C-alpha atoms as a PDB file:
ATOM      1  CA  MET A   1    -139.234 -70.967 -28.369  1.00  0.00           C
ATOM      2  CA  ARG A   2    -136.246 -72.660 -29.834  1.00  0.00           C
ATOM      3  CA  ILE A   3    -136.174 -74.043 -33.566  1.00  0.00           C
ATOM      4  CA  GLY A   4    -136.651 -77.665 -32.453  1.00  0.00           C
ATOM      5  CA  GLU A   5    -139.742 -76.591 -30.273  1.00  0.00           C
ATOM      6  CA  LEU A   6    -141.176 -74.645 -33.189  1.00  0.00           C
ATOM      7  CA  ALA A   7    -140.626 -77.657 -35.641  1.00  0.00           C
ATOM      8  CA  ARG A   8    -142.753 -79.885 -33.347  1.00  0.00           C
ATOM      9  CA  ALA A   9    -145.312 -77.122 -32.619  1.00  0.00           C
ATOM     10  CA  SER A  10    -145.860 -76.446 -36.366  1.00  0.00           C
ATOM     11  CA  GLY A  11    -145.280 -79.985 -37.713  1.00  0.00           C
ATOM     12  CA  VAL A  12    -142.423 -79.307 -40.163  1.00  0.00           C
ATOM     13  CA  LYS A  13    -138.774 -80.314 -40.342  1.00  0.00           C
ATOM     14  CA  LEU A  14    -135.911 -78.231 -39.031  1.00  0.00           C
ATOM     15  CA  SER A  15    -134.633 -77.870 -42.493  1.00  0.00           C
ATOM     16  CA  THR A  16    -137.892 -76.465 -43.707  1.00  0.00           C
ATOM     17  CA  LEU A  17    -137.806 -73.887 -40.959  1.00  0.00           C
ATOM     18  CA  ARG A  18    -134.241 -72.871 -42.006  1.00  0.00           C
ATOM     19  CA  TYR A  19    -135.321 -72.774 -45.580  1.00  0.00           C
ATOM     20  CA  TYR A  20    -138.133 -70.283 -44.615  1.00  0.00           C
ATOM     21  CA  GLU A  21    -135.644 -68.359 -42.825  1.00  0.00           C
ATOM     22  CA  ARG A  22    -133.288 -68.008 -45.866  1.00  0.00           C
ATOM     23  CA  ARG A  23    -136.463 -66.939 -47.795  1.00  0.00           C
ATOM     24  CA  GLU A  24    -137.112 -64.449 -45.085  1.00  0.00           C
ATOM     25  CA  LEU A  25    -140.658 -65.842 -44.608  1.00  0.00           C
ATOM     26  CA  LEU A  26    -139.775 -66.469 -41.006  1.00  0.00           C
ATOM     27  CA  LEU A  27    -137.261 -64.751 -38.847  1.00  0.00           C
ATOM     28  CA  PRO A  28    -136.314 -65.475 -35.360  1.00  0.00           C
ATOM     29  CA  LEU A  29    -136.799 -62.627 -32.694  1.00  0.00           C
ATOM     30  CA  SER A  30    -133.298 -63.184 -31.442  1.00  0.00           C
ATOM     31  CA  ARG A  31    -130.600 -65.714 -30.779  1.00  0.00           C
ATOM     32  CA  SER A  32    -129.603 -67.286 -27.540  1.00  0.00           C
ATOM     33  CA  GLU A  33    -126.100 -66.883 -26.073  1.00  0.00           C
ATOM     34  CA  SER A  34    -125.213 -70.133 -27.693  1.00  0.00           C
ATOM     35  CA  GLY A  35    -126.472 -68.889 -31.141  1.00  0.00           C
ATOM     36  CA  GLN A  36    -129.810 -70.881 -31.236  1.00  0.00           C
ATOM     37  CA  ARG A  37    -132.694 -69.252 -32.932  1.00  0.00           C
ATOM     38  CA  LEU A  38    -135.361 -68.080 -30.745  1.00  0.00           C
ATOM     39  CA  TYR A  39    -139.012 -67.540 -32.038  1.00  0.00           C
ATOM     40  CA  GLY A  40    -141.988 -65.801 -30.655  1.00  0.00           C
ATOM     41  CA  PRO A  41    -145.310 -67.162 -29.601  1.00  0.00           C
ATOM     42  CA  ASP A  42    -146.994 -66.627 -32.998  1.00  0.00           C
ATOM     43  CA  ALA A  43    -144.184 -68.402 -34.991  1.00  0.00           C
ATOM     44  CA  ALA A  44    -145.999 -71.637 -35.153  1.00  0.00           C
ATOM     45  CA  ILE A  45    -149.174 -70.013 -36.552  1.00  0.00           C
ATOM     46  CA  ARG A  46    -147.072 -68.302 -39.231  1.00  0.00           C
ATOM     47  CA  VAL A  47    -145.372 -71.620 -40.141  1.00  0.00           C
ATOM     48  CA  ARG A  48    -148.765 -73.348 -40.430  1.00  0.00           C
ATOM     49  CA  PHE A  49    -150.081 -70.484 -42.563  1.00  0.00           C
ATOM     50  CA  ILE A  50    -147.097 -70.786 -44.950  1.00  0.00           C
ATOM     51  CA  ARG A  51    -147.633 -74.722 -45.191  1.00  0.00           C
ATOM     52  CA  ARG A  52    -151.361 -74.257 -45.731  1.00  0.00           C
ATOM     53  CA  SER A  53    -150.846 -71.674 -48.390  1.00  0.00           C
ATOM     54  CA  GLN A  54    -148.602 -73.889 -50.215  1.00  0.00           C
ATOM     55  CA  GLU A  55    -151.014 -76.786 -50.056  1.00  0.00           C
ATOM     56  CA  LEU A  56    -153.601 -74.380 -51.685  1.00  0.00           C
ATOM     57  CA  GLY A  57    -151.256 -73.635 -54.497  1.00  0.00           C
ATOM     58  CA  PHE A  58    -149.683 -70.421 -53.426  1.00  0.00           C
ATOM     59  CA  THR A  59    -146.017 -70.034 -54.305  1.00  0.00           C
ATOM     60  CA  LEU A  60    -143.609 -68.951 -51.560  1.00  0.00           C
ATOM     61  CA  ARG A  61    -143.218 -65.715 -53.409  1.00  0.00           C
ATOM     62  CA  GLU A  62    -146.992 -65.203 -53.105  1.00  0.00           C
ATOM     63  CA  VAL A  63    -146.836 -66.235 -49.510  1.00  0.00           C
ATOM     64  CA  SER A  64    -144.146 -63.792 -48.967  1.00  0.00           C
ATOM     65  CA  ALA A  65    -146.348 -60.962 -50.482  1.00  0.00           C
ATOM     66  CA  VAL A  66    -149.296 -61.753 -48.160  1.00  0.00           C
ATOM     67  CA  LEU A  67    -147.070 -62.059 -45.080  1.00  0.00           C
ATOM     68  CA  ALA A  68    -145.676 -58.620 -46.010  1.00  0.00           C
ATOM     69  CA  LEU A  69    -148.937 -57.298 -46.161  1.00  0.00           C
ATOM     70  CA  SER A  70    -150.005 -58.740 -42.849  1.00  0.00           C
ATOM     71  CA  ASP A  71    -146.862 -57.672 -41.224  1.00  0.00           C
ATOM     72  CA  ARG A  72    -147.521 -54.030 -41.878  1.00  0.00           C
ATOM     73  CA  ARG A  73    -149.865 -52.590 -39.185  1.00  0.00           C
ATOM     74  CA  GLY A  74    -153.110 -51.087 -40.329  1.00  0.00           C
ATOM     75  CA  ILE A  75    -153.010 -52.916 -43.762  1.00  0.00           C
ATOM     76  CA  PRO A  76    -156.462 -52.437 -45.421  1.00  0.00           C
ATOM     77  CA  THR A  77    -158.278 -55.823 -45.822  1.00  0.00           C
ATOM     78  CA  ARG A  78    -159.074 -54.733 -49.507  1.00  0.00           C
ATOM     79  CA  ASP A  79    -155.345 -55.190 -50.297  1.00  0.00           C
ATOM     80  CA  VAL A  80    -155.492 -58.762 -49.101  1.00  0.00           C
ATOM     81  CA  VAL A  81    -158.800 -59.309 -50.909  1.00  0.00           C
ATOM     82  CA  ARG A  82    -157.224 -58.004 -54.162  1.00  0.00           C
ATOM     83  CA  PHE A  83    -154.325 -60.451 -53.758  1.00  0.00           C
ATOM     84  CA  ALA A  84    -156.847 -63.301 -53.289  1.00  0.00           C
ATOM     85  CA  GLU A  85    -159.033 -62.266 -56.233  1.00  0.00           C
ATOM     86  CA  ALA A  86    -155.915 -62.296 -58.510  1.00  0.00           C
ATOM     87  CA  LYS A  87    -155.052 -65.751 -57.252  1.00  0.00           C
ATOM     88  CA  LEU A  88    -158.575 -66.898 -57.943  1.00  0.00           C
ATOM     89  CA  ARG A  89    -158.426 -65.530 -61.552  1.00  0.00           C
ATOM     90  CA  ALA A  90    -155.224 -67.461 -62.018  1.00  0.00           C
ATOM     91  CA  ILE A  91    -156.849 -70.623 -60.571  1.00  0.00           C
ATOM     92  CA  ASP A  92    -159.703 -70.128 -62.859  1.00  0.00           C
ATOM     93  CA  ALA A  93    -157.610 -69.733 -65.868  1.00  0.00           C
ATOM     94  CA  ARG A  94    -155.741 -72.870 -65.101  1.00  0.00           C
ATOM     95  CA  ILE A  95    -159.037 -74.893 -64.522  1.00  0.00           C
ATOM     96  CA  GLU A  96    -160.160 -73.646 -68.048  1.00  0.00           C
ATOM     97  CA  ASP A  97    -156.821 -74.968 -69.369  1.00  0.00           C
ATOM     98  CA  LEU A  98    -157.243 -78.306 -67.695  1.00  0.00           C
ATOM     99  CA  ARG A  99    -160.803 -78.487 -69.069  1.00  0.00           C
ATOM    100  CA  ARG A 100    -159.618 -77.760 -72.708  1.00  0.00           C
ATOM    101  CA  MET A 101    -156.918 -80.403 -72.232  1.00  0.00           C
ATOM    102  CA  ARG A 102    -159.436 -82.852 -70.959  1.00  0.00           C
ATOM    103  CA  ARG A 103    -161.757 -82.341 -73.982  1.00  0.00           C
ATOM    104  CA  ALA A 104    -158.858 -82.742 -76.241  1.00  0.00           C
ATOM    105  CA  ILE A 105    -157.719 -86.006 -74.682  1.00  0.00           C
ATOM    106  CA  THR A 106    -161.330 -87.320 -74.573  1.00  0.00           C
ATOM    107  CA  THR A 107    -161.703 -86.573 -78.165  1.00  0.00           C
ATOM    108  CA  LEU A 108    -158.556 -88.211 -79.134  1.00  0.00           C
ATOM    109  CA  MET A 109    -159.539 -91.356 -77.266  1.00  0.00           C
ATOM    110  CA  VAL A 110    -162.943 -91.440 -78.904  1.00  0.00           C
ATOM    111  CA  GLU A 111    -161.569 -90.867 -82.433  1.00  0.00           C
ATOM    112  CA  GLY A 112    -158.280 -92.815 -81.885  1.00  0.00           C
ATOM    113  CA  PHE A 113    -156.376 -90.704 -84.258  1.00  0.00           C
ATOM    114  CA  CYS A 114    -155.607 -87.326 -85.624  1.00  0.00           C
ATOM    115  CA  PRO A 115    -156.524 -86.870 -89.236  1.00  0.00           C
ATOM    116  CA  PRO A 116    -153.512 -86.208 -91.577  1.00  0.00           C
ATOM    117  CA  ASP A 117    -152.675 -82.465 -92.140  1.00  0.00           C
ATOM    118  CA  THR A 118    -154.675 -81.331 -89.095  1.00  0.00           C
ATOM    119  CA  VAL A 119    -153.727 -80.130 -85.684  1.00  0.00           C
ATOM    120  CA  CYS A 120    -153.932 -82.874 -83.173  1.00  0.00           C
ATOM    121  CA  PRO A 121    -156.176 -81.488 -80.372  1.00  0.00           C
ATOM    122  CA  VAL A 122    -153.935 -82.705 -77.498  1.00  0.00           C
ATOM    123  CA  GLN A 123    -150.883 -80.944 -79.179  1.00  0.00           C
ATOM    124  CA  ALA A 124    -152.880 -77.919 -79.841  1.00  0.00           C
ATOM    125  CA  SER A 125    -154.210 -77.692 -76.315  1.00  0.00           C
ATOM    126  CA  LEU A 126    -150.675 -77.864 -74.976  1.00  0.00           C
ATOM    127  CA  GLY A 127    -149.275 -75.352 -77.499  1.00  0.00           C
ATOM    128  CA  ALA A 128    -146.562 -77.666 -78.818  1.00  0.00           C
ATOM    129  CA  PRO A 129    -145.313 -77.722 -82.195  1.00  0.00           C
ATOM    130  CA  VAL A 130    -147.603 -80.017 -84.119  1.00  0.00           C
ATOM    131  CA  LYS A 131    -146.985 -82.675 -86.605  1.00  0.00           C
ATOM    132  CA  ALA A 132    -149.850 -84.720 -88.227  1.00  0.00           C
ATOM    133  CA  VAL A 133    -150.316 -88.120 -86.809  1.00  0.00           C
ATOM    134  CA  LYS A 134    -150.730 -90.891 -89.386  1.00  0.00           C
ATOM    135  CA  ARG A 135    -154.353 -92.137 -89.383  1.00  0.00           C
ATOM    136  CA  LYS A 136    -155.052 -95.539 -88.141  1.00  0.00           C
ATOM    137  CA  PRO A 137    -156.500 -97.970 -90.712  1.00  0.00           C
ATOM    138  CA  ARG A 138    -160.178 -98.591 -89.954  1.00  0.00           C
ATOM    139  CA  GLU A 139    -161.236-102.209 -89.590  1.00  0.00           C
END
C-alpha cells in the first residue's frame, strides 16, 4: 500500500506518516521503482495504535517503547503490563496533583485572598516562588 492509501486507511495526514517515519515509529517495507513508500497490510493498524495511544496521553517516546516490545517476537506479556502499570502510576500522580491544585483554587475562591506573610495555596500547589498577596479589605 502506498503512503496516500495508508493515510486514507488510517485517517491521518501524509505529513503525520512522514513524521512517524522520521521518528522510526513506522517504516515502509520497501519503496517502489519511483521511490514511493510501500507499506504492509498491518501498517494502518499500527498508525491507528500510535494515534490512539497519543490520545490516551502516551508520548511518542513511550509509544515507540511499546512498539519496540511488540515488534520483538515472543515478548512476554508481563513486560507490556509493567509498562502500562508505570504509565498508570504516572497518571495517578498527575491526578493527585490536579486534585491538590483544585482544592487550592477552590480555597482561594472561597476566601478571596491569601493572608499576608503566608504561602498562597495556588502558588504552593504549583511550586512557584511565592510572594504574599495583599489582603482584600473586608466589607
